C-alpha atoms as a PDB file:
ATOM      1  CA  MET A   1     119.018 186.973 164.662  1.00  0.00           C
ATOM      2  CA  THR A   2     118.902 186.562 160.922  1.00  0.00           C
ATOM      3  CA  ARG A   3     120.536 183.215 161.352  1.00  0.00           C
ATOM      4  CA  TYR A   4     117.739 182.125 163.656  1.00  0.00           C
ATOM      5  CA  LEU A   5     115.165 183.483 161.269  1.00  0.00           C
ATOM      6  CA  ILE A   6     116.715 181.641 158.327  1.00  0.00           C
ATOM      7  CA  ALA A   7     117.026 178.464 160.405  1.00  0.00           C
ATOM      8  CA  GLY A   8     113.379 178.805 161.479  1.00  0.00           C
ATOM      9  CA  LEU A   9     112.245 179.330 157.886  1.00  0.00           C
ATOM     10  CA  ALA A  10     114.294 176.316 156.781  1.00  0.00           C
ATOM     11  CA  VAL A  11     112.712 174.159 159.500  1.00  0.00           C
ATOM     12  CA  ALA A  12     109.262 175.491 158.568  1.00  0.00           C
ATOM     13  CA  LEU A  13     109.865 174.655 154.887  1.00  0.00           C
ATOM     14  CA  ILE A  14     111.071 171.168 155.767  1.00  0.00           C
ATOM     15  CA  LEU A  15     108.012 170.566 157.958  1.00  0.00           C
ATOM     16  CA  ALA A  16     105.697 171.962 155.277  1.00  0.00           C
ATOM     17  CA  GLY A  17     107.309 169.724 152.630  1.00  0.00           C
ATOM     18  CA  TRP A  18     107.025 166.703 154.922  1.00  0.00           C
ATOM     19  CA  ARG A  19     103.382 167.533 155.634  1.00  0.00           C
ATOM     20  CA  LEU A  20     102.600 167.972 151.925  1.00  0.00           C
ATOM     21  CA  ASP A  21     104.238 164.623 151.211  1.00  0.00           C
ATOM     22  CA  HIS A  22     102.207 163.031 154.009  1.00  0.00           C
ATOM     23  CA  VAL A  23      98.977 164.576 152.685  1.00  0.00           C
ATOM     24  CA  SER A  24      99.899 163.472 149.148  1.00  0.00           C
ATOM     25  CA  ASN A  25     100.459 159.885 150.335  1.00  0.00           C
ATOM     26  CA  SER A  26      97.118 159.972 152.155  1.00  0.00           C
ATOM     27  CA  LEU A  27      95.391 161.179 148.995  1.00  0.00           C
ATOM     28  CA  ASP A  28      97.034 158.413 146.976  1.00  0.00           C
ATOM     29  CA  ARG A  29      95.834 155.818 149.489  1.00  0.00           C
ATOM     30  CA  ALA A  30      92.333 157.305 149.414  1.00  0.00           C
ATOM     31  CA  LYS A  31      92.292 157.173 145.612  1.00  0.00           C
ATOM     32  CA  THR A  32      93.335 153.505 145.717  1.00  0.00           C
ATOM     33  CA  VAL A  33      90.601 152.688 148.245  1.00  0.00           C
ATOM     34  CA  ILE A  34      87.987 154.517 146.170  1.00  0.00           C
ATOM     35  CA  SER A  35      89.157 152.752 143.002  1.00  0.00           C
ATOM     36  CA  ASP A  36      88.879 149.371 144.747  1.00  0.00           C
ATOM     37  CA  GLN A  37      85.383 150.251 145.963  1.00  0.00           C
ATOM     38  CA  VAL A  38      84.300 151.314 142.463  1.00  0.00           C
ATOM     39  CA  ASP A  39      85.625 148.011 141.097  1.00  0.00           C
ATOM     40  CA  THR A  40      83.683 146.129 143.777  1.00  0.00           C
ATOM     41  CA  ILE A  41      80.505 148.059 142.962  1.00  0.00           C
ATOM     42  CA  ASN A  42      80.918 147.323 139.238  1.00  0.00           C
ATOM     43  CA  THR A  43      81.449 143.622 139.977  1.00  0.00           C
ATOM     44  CA  LEU A  44      78.356 143.532 142.201  1.00  0.00           C
ATOM     45  CA  GLU A  45      76.257 145.338 139.576  1.00  0.00           C
ATOM     46  CA  ALA A  46      77.375 142.852 136.910  1.00  0.00           C
ATOM     47  CA  ALA A  47      76.503 139.945 139.207  1.00  0.00           C
ATOM     48  CA  ALA A  48      73.091 141.455 139.961  1.00  0.00           C
ATOM     49  CA  GLN A  49      72.386 141.945 136.234  1.00  0.00           C
ATOM     50  CA  SER A  50      73.416 138.364 135.526  1.00  0.00           C
ATOM     51  CA  ARG A  51      71.104 137.146 138.302  1.00  0.00           C
ATOM     52  CA  ARG A  52      68.220 139.212 136.877  1.00  0.00           C
ATOM     53  CA  ASN A  53      68.848 137.755 133.405  1.00  0.00           C
ATOM     54  CA  THR A  54      68.919 134.237 134.835  1.00  0.00           C
ATOM     55  CA  GLN A  55      65.682 134.864 136.735  1.00  0.00           C
ATOM     56  CA  LYS A  56      63.984 136.112 133.544  1.00  0.00           C
ATOM     57  CA  LEU A  57      65.201 133.055 131.646  1.00  0.00           C
ATOM     58  CA  LEU A  58      63.986 130.733 134.381  1.00  0.00           C
ATOM     59  CA  ALA A  59      60.596 132.449 134.419  1.00  0.00           C
ATOM     60  CA  GLN A  60      60.309 131.987 130.631  1.00  0.00           C
ATOM     61  CA  LEU A  61      61.327 128.317 130.846  1.00  0.00           C
ATOM     62  CA  ASP A  62      58.888 127.756 133.695  1.00  0.00           C
ATOM     63  CA  ALA A  63      56.044 129.426 131.790  1.00  0.00           C
ATOM     64  CA  GLU A  64      56.720 127.362 128.650  1.00  0.00           C
ATOM     65  CA  HIS A  65      56.894 124.043 130.441  1.00  0.00           C
ATOM     66  CA  THR A  66      54.015 124.799 132.783  1.00  0.00           C
ATOM     67  CA  LYS A  67      51.849 125.557 129.743  1.00  0.00           C
ATOM     68  CA  ALA A  68      52.967 122.325 128.049  1.00  0.00           C
ATOM     69  CA  LEU A  69      52.210 120.365 131.217  1.00  0.00           C
ATOM     70  CA  THR A  70      48.808 122.030 131.659  1.00  0.00           C
ATOM     71  CA  ASP A  71      47.912 121.400 128.017  1.00  0.00           C
ATOM     72  CA  ALA A  72      48.878 117.718 128.307  1.00  0.00           C
ATOM     73  CA  GLN A  73      46.908 117.323 131.535  1.00  0.00           C
ATOM     74  CA  THR A  74      43.859 119.046 130.018  1.00  0.00           C
ATOM     75  CA  SER A  75      44.018 116.891 126.903  1.00  0.00           C
ATOM     76  CA  ASN A  76      44.317 113.694 128.939  1.00  0.00           C
ATOM     77  CA  ALA A  77      41.523 114.760 131.301  1.00  0.00           C
ATOM     78  CA  GLU A  78      39.249 115.401 128.314  1.00  0.00           C
ATOM     79  CA  LEU A  79      40.151 112.004 126.842  1.00  0.00           C
ATOM     80  CA  LEU A  80      39.456 110.320 130.191  1.00  0.00           C
ATOM     81  CA  ALA A  81      36.074 112.056 130.384  1.00  0.00           C
ATOM     82  CA  ARG A  82      35.147 110.978 126.829  1.00  0.00           C
ATOM     83  CA  ILE A  83      36.170 107.407 127.579  1.00  0.00           C
ATOM     84  CA  GLY A  84      34.243 107.513 130.863  1.00  0.00           C
ATOM     85  CA  ASP A  85      30.997 108.690 129.252  1.00  0.00           C
ATOM     86  CA  GLY A  86      31.378 106.310 126.309  1.00  0.00           C
ATOM     87  CA  SER A  87      31.666 108.999 123.622  1.00  0.00           C
ATOM     88  CA  GLN A  88      35.141 107.731 122.738  1.00  0.00           C
ATOM     89  CA  ARG A  89      36.446 104.205 122.677  1.00  0.00           C
ATOM     90  CA  LEU A  90      39.991 102.932 122.454  1.00  0.00           C
ATOM     91  CA  SER A  91      40.988  99.925 120.449  1.00  0.00           C
ATOM     92  CA  VAL A  92      44.189  98.057 119.743  1.00  0.00           C
ATOM     93  CA  LYS A  93      45.417  95.981 116.861  1.00  0.00           C
ATOM     94  CA  ALA A  94      44.507  92.380 117.381  1.00  0.00           C
ATOM     95  CA  ARG A  95      45.601  89.192 115.750  1.00  0.00           C
ATOM     96  CA  CYS A  96      42.845  86.684 115.523  1.00  0.00           C
ATOM     97  CA  PRO A  97      42.864  83.221 114.004  1.00  0.00           C
ATOM     98  CA  ALA A  98      42.456  83.425 110.232  1.00  0.00           C
ATOM     99  CA  PRO A  99      38.910  81.970 110.016  1.00  0.00           C
ATOM    100  CA  ALA A 100      37.595  84.463 112.592  1.00  0.00           C
ATOM    101  CA  VAL A 101      39.139  87.393 110.737  1.00  0.00           C
ATOM    102  CA  ARG A 102      37.717  86.231 107.411  1.00  0.00           C
ATOM    103  CA  ALA A 103      34.326  85.697 108.957  1.00  0.00           C
ATOM    104  CA  ALA A 104      34.372  89.124 110.617  1.00  0.00           C
ATOM    105  CA  SER A 105      35.629  90.758 107.443  1.00  0.00           C
ATOM    106  CA  SER A 106      33.022  89.221 105.241  1.00  0.00           C
ATOM    107  CA  THR A 107      30.145  90.116 107.527  1.00  0.00           C
ATOM    108  CA  THR A 108      31.211  93.701 108.128  1.00  0.00           C
ATOM    109  CA  GLY A 109      32.369  94.351 104.598  1.00  0.00           C
ATOM    110  CA  LEU A 110      35.802  95.628 105.640  1.00  0.00           C
ATOM    111  CA  GLY A 111      37.764  93.359 103.322  1.00  0.00           C
ATOM    112  CA  ASP A 112      41.482  93.552 104.144  1.00  0.00           C
ATOM    113  CA  ALA A 113      41.138  95.938 107.123  1.00  0.00           C
ATOM    114  CA  GLU A 114      43.238  95.068 110.136  1.00  0.00           C
ATOM    115  CA  ALA A 115      41.559  93.365 113.050  1.00  0.00           C
ATOM    116  CA  ARG A 116      41.005  95.598 116.094  1.00  0.00           C
ATOM    117  CA  ALA A 117      39.843  94.832 119.588  1.00  0.00           C
ATOM    118  CA  GLU A 118      37.992  97.416 121.653  1.00  0.00           C
ATOM    119  CA  LEU A 119      39.328  97.984 125.164  1.00  0.00           C
ATOM    120  CA  ASP A 120      37.113  97.903 128.207  1.00  0.00           C
ATOM    121  CA  PRO A 121      36.498 101.536 129.316  1.00  0.00           C
ATOM    122  CA  SER A 122      38.160 101.017 132.731  1.00  0.00           C
ATOM    123  CA  ASP A 123      41.256  99.515 131.064  1.00  0.00           C
ATOM    124  CA  ALA A 124      41.298 102.368 128.546  1.00  0.00           C
ATOM    125  CA  GLN A 125      41.177 104.892 131.387  1.00  0.00           C
ATOM    126  CA  ARG A 126      44.106 103.184 133.141  1.00  0.00           C
ATOM    127  CA  ILE A 127      46.116 103.302 129.893  1.00  0.00           C
ATOM    128  CA  VAL A 128      45.360 107.000 129.436  1.00  0.00           C
ATOM    129  CA  ALA A 129      46.398 107.639 133.060  1.00  0.00           C
ATOM    130  CA  ILE A 130      49.695 105.860 132.379  1.00  0.00           C
ATOM    131  CA  THR A 131      50.288 107.954 129.260  1.00  0.00           C
ATOM    132  CA  ASP A 132      49.505 111.076 131.314  1.00  0.00           C
ATOM    133  CA  ASP A 133      52.247 110.085 133.772  1.00  0.00           C
ATOM    134  CA  GLY A 134      54.585 109.552 130.816  1.00  0.00           C
ATOM    135  CA  ASP A 135      53.696 112.950 129.352  1.00  0.00           C
ATOM    136  CA  GLN A 136      54.432 114.620 132.685  1.00  0.00           C
ATOM    137  CA  GLY A 137      57.765 112.808 132.925  1.00  0.00           C
ATOM    138  CA  LEU A 138      58.773 113.844 129.406  1.00  0.00           C
ATOM    139  CA  ILE A 139      57.817 117.475 130.045  1.00  0.00           C
ATOM    140  CA  ALA A 140      59.811 117.475 133.308  1.00  0.00           C
ATOM    141  CA  LEU A 141      62.793 115.987 131.453  1.00  0.00           C
ATOM    142  CA  GLN A 142      62.527 118.646 128.732  1.00  0.00           C
ATOM    143  CA  MET A 143      62.422 121.354 131.396  1.00  0.00           C
ATOM    144  CA  ALA A 144      65.538 119.965 133.084  1.00  0.00           C
ATOM    145  CA  GLN A 145      67.347 119.778 129.737  1.00  0.00           C
ATOM    146  CA  ALA A 146      66.382 123.358 128.883  1.00  0.00           C
ATOM    147  CA  TYR A 147      67.558 124.530 132.302  1.00  0.00           C
ATOM    148  CA  ILE A 148      70.902 122.798 131.898  1.00  0.00           C
ATOM    149  CA  ALA A 149      71.394 124.064 128.332  1.00  0.00           C
ATOM    150  CA  ASN A 150      70.290 127.653 128.987  1.00  0.00           C
ATOM    151  CA  VAL A 151      71.432 128.291 132.542  1.00  0.00           C
ATOM    152  CA  CYS A 152      74.092 125.829 133.712  1.00  0.00           C
ATOM    153  CA  LEU A 153      76.106 125.453 130.503  1.00  0.00           C
ATOM    154  CA  LYS A 154      75.960 129.146 129.602  1.00  0.00           C
ATOM    155  CA  GLY A 155      77.325 130.087 133.011  1.00  0.00           C
ATOM    156  CA  ASN A 156      74.619 132.633 133.858  1.00  0.00           C
END
């Protein structure tokens, strides 16, 4: 009977050891899974922070360039209004035949001043509208360059 008792205890110890090893392997697998999940969470948090930083940068760039565009449009609209009501006139350098320049210079008392020709108000308004389009194009180009330099090339 003692032999059976010893054999039973031996079997019980073997089964207990096998079960402990099985539980230990399960715990090791669980630790690995948890570690992988923590790594994934950290990666996702870093990506989310990078996205938030990029969004802040884009908002700043947008605010800067929107202000520049609005200022340019306001300035050109004011210039168009002044040209339209006649309170401002545009002129260009003009080259006139020598006798006409001398005659104009002597009568106006300007001496060696350069000859200028005043533009018709409707032509002046068209020129200002063209420069407004150019201003908008330059501001859009500057915004694209800032985006590329601050977002694309920095890898945010």
